[in-house]
Amino acid sequence: MTAALVESVEKLIREVKALKQAAQKPPRDAWSPREVAHKLGLPYDTVLDRINDGTIGHILVGKHKLVPDAELQRFLAPGIQKAAS
């Protein structure tokens, strides 16, 4: 086997292990603003601005803001495009 092929196989093995591990974790109910920013590909400050202006709903846990998964789905729903038929 060539070095490139061995590297590709090892990368694939790591990805499969990561997927198996992720599949064993319980589903998330809420996300931190930083996680939301990462998931949406937006700057952290933009997500905080949308949380603070009420565009993205949140809950407070102590001093920490969390975005419920249902709220994240609601925020994303208007941007979902229907598949062309």
Protein backbone atom coordinates (compact mmCIF):
# COMPACT_ATOMS: atom_id res chain seq x y z
CA MET A 1 0.00 0.00 0.00
CA THR A 2 1.17 3.49 -0.71
CA ALA A 3 1.61 5.99 2.08
CA ALA A 4 -1.26 8.08 0.74
CA LEU A 5 -3.59 5.10 0.74
CA VAL A 6 -2.61 4.13 4.27
CA GLU A 7 -3.19 7.71 5.42
CA SER A 8 -6.62 7.76 3.74
CA VAL A 9 -7.63 4.47 5.36
CA GLU A 10 -6.48 5.68 8.79
CA LYS A 11 -8.45 8.92 8.34
CA LEU A 12 -11.54 6.93 7.38
CA ILE A 13 -11.14 4.72 10.46
CA ARG A 14 -10.91 7.83 12.70
CA GLU A 15 -14.05 9.29 11.10
CA VAL A 16 -16.00 6.06 11.56
CA LYS A 17 -14.95 5.92 15.24
CA ALA A 18 -16.07 9.52 15.71
CA LEU A 19 -19.44 8.78 14.10
CA LYS A 20 -19.94 5.71 16.29
CA GLN A 21 -19.12 7.75 19.38
CA ALA A 22 -21.48 10.56 18.34
CA ALA A 23 -24.28 8.07 17.72
CA GLN A 24 -24.01 6.86 21.31
CA LYS A 25 -24.48 10.33 22.82
CA PRO A 26 -28.01 11.39 23.79
CA PRO A 27 -29.55 14.14 21.63
CA ARG A 28 -28.88 17.69 22.72
CA ASP A 29 -31.73 19.84 24.00
CA ALA A 30 -29.88 23.17 24.12
CA TRP A 31 -26.76 24.83 22.76
CA SER A 32 -24.42 27.55 24.01
CA PRO A 33 -24.19 30.71 21.89
CA ARG A 34 -20.68 29.66 20.81
CA GLU A 35 -22.00 26.26 19.67
CA VAL A 36 -24.85 27.97 17.79
CA ALA A 37 -22.32 30.25 16.08
CA HIS A 38 -20.25 27.24 15.07
CA LYS A 39 -23.28 25.27 13.82
CA LEU A 40 -24.54 28.21 11.75
CA GLY A 41 -21.14 29.40 10.52
CA LEU A 42 -21.78 32.84 11.98
CA PRO A 43 -19.56 35.05 14.11
CA TYR A 44 -20.10 34.59 17.85
CA ASP A 45 -20.90 38.30 18.27
CA THR A 46 -23.63 38.07 15.62
CA VAL A 47 -25.28 35.18 17.47
CA LEU A 48 -25.11 37.13 20.75
CA ASP A 49 -26.65 40.16 19.00
CA ARG A 50 -29.52 37.98 17.66
CA ILE A 51 -30.05 36.50 21.13
CA ASN A 52 -30.03 39.92 22.79
CA ASP A 53 -32.43 41.47 20.25
CA GLY A 54 -34.82 38.50 20.59
CA THR A 55 -34.37 37.14 17.06
CA ILE A 56 -33.04 33.91 18.57
CA GLY A 57 -34.83 32.89 21.75
CA HIS A 58 -32.91 31.61 24.73
CA ILE A 59 -33.21 30.44 28.30
CA LEU A 60 -31.05 31.47 31.24
CA VAL A 61 -29.39 28.86 33.38
CA GLY A 62 -27.84 30.95 36.10
CA LYS A 63 -25.92 33.58 34.15
CA HIS A 64 -25.51 31.34 31.10
CA LYS A 65 -27.63 31.74 27.98
CA LEU A 66 -28.67 28.55 26.19
CA VAL A 67 -30.55 28.25 22.92
CA PRO A 68 -33.05 25.37 22.99
CA ASP A 69 -32.77 23.08 19.99
CA ALA A 70 -36.44 23.75 19.13
CA GLU A 71 -35.67 27.49 19.02
CA LEU A 72 -32.68 26.91 16.75
CA GLN A 73 -34.91 24.88 14.40
CA ARG A 74 -37.57 27.66 14.47
CA PHE A 75 -34.91 30.26 13.63
CA LEU A 76 -33.65 28.19 10.69
CA ALA A 77 -37.08 27.17 9.32
CA PRO A 78 -37.78 30.32 7.23
CA GLY A 79 -34.50 29.81 5.34
CA ILE A 80 -35.25 26.25 4.28
CA GLN A 81 -35.65 26.12 0.51
CA LYS A 82 -37.95 23.57 -1.09
CA ALA A 83 -36.31 21.18 -3.51
CA ALA A 84 -36.95 21.92 -7.16
CA SER A 85 -39.36 19.44 -8.72
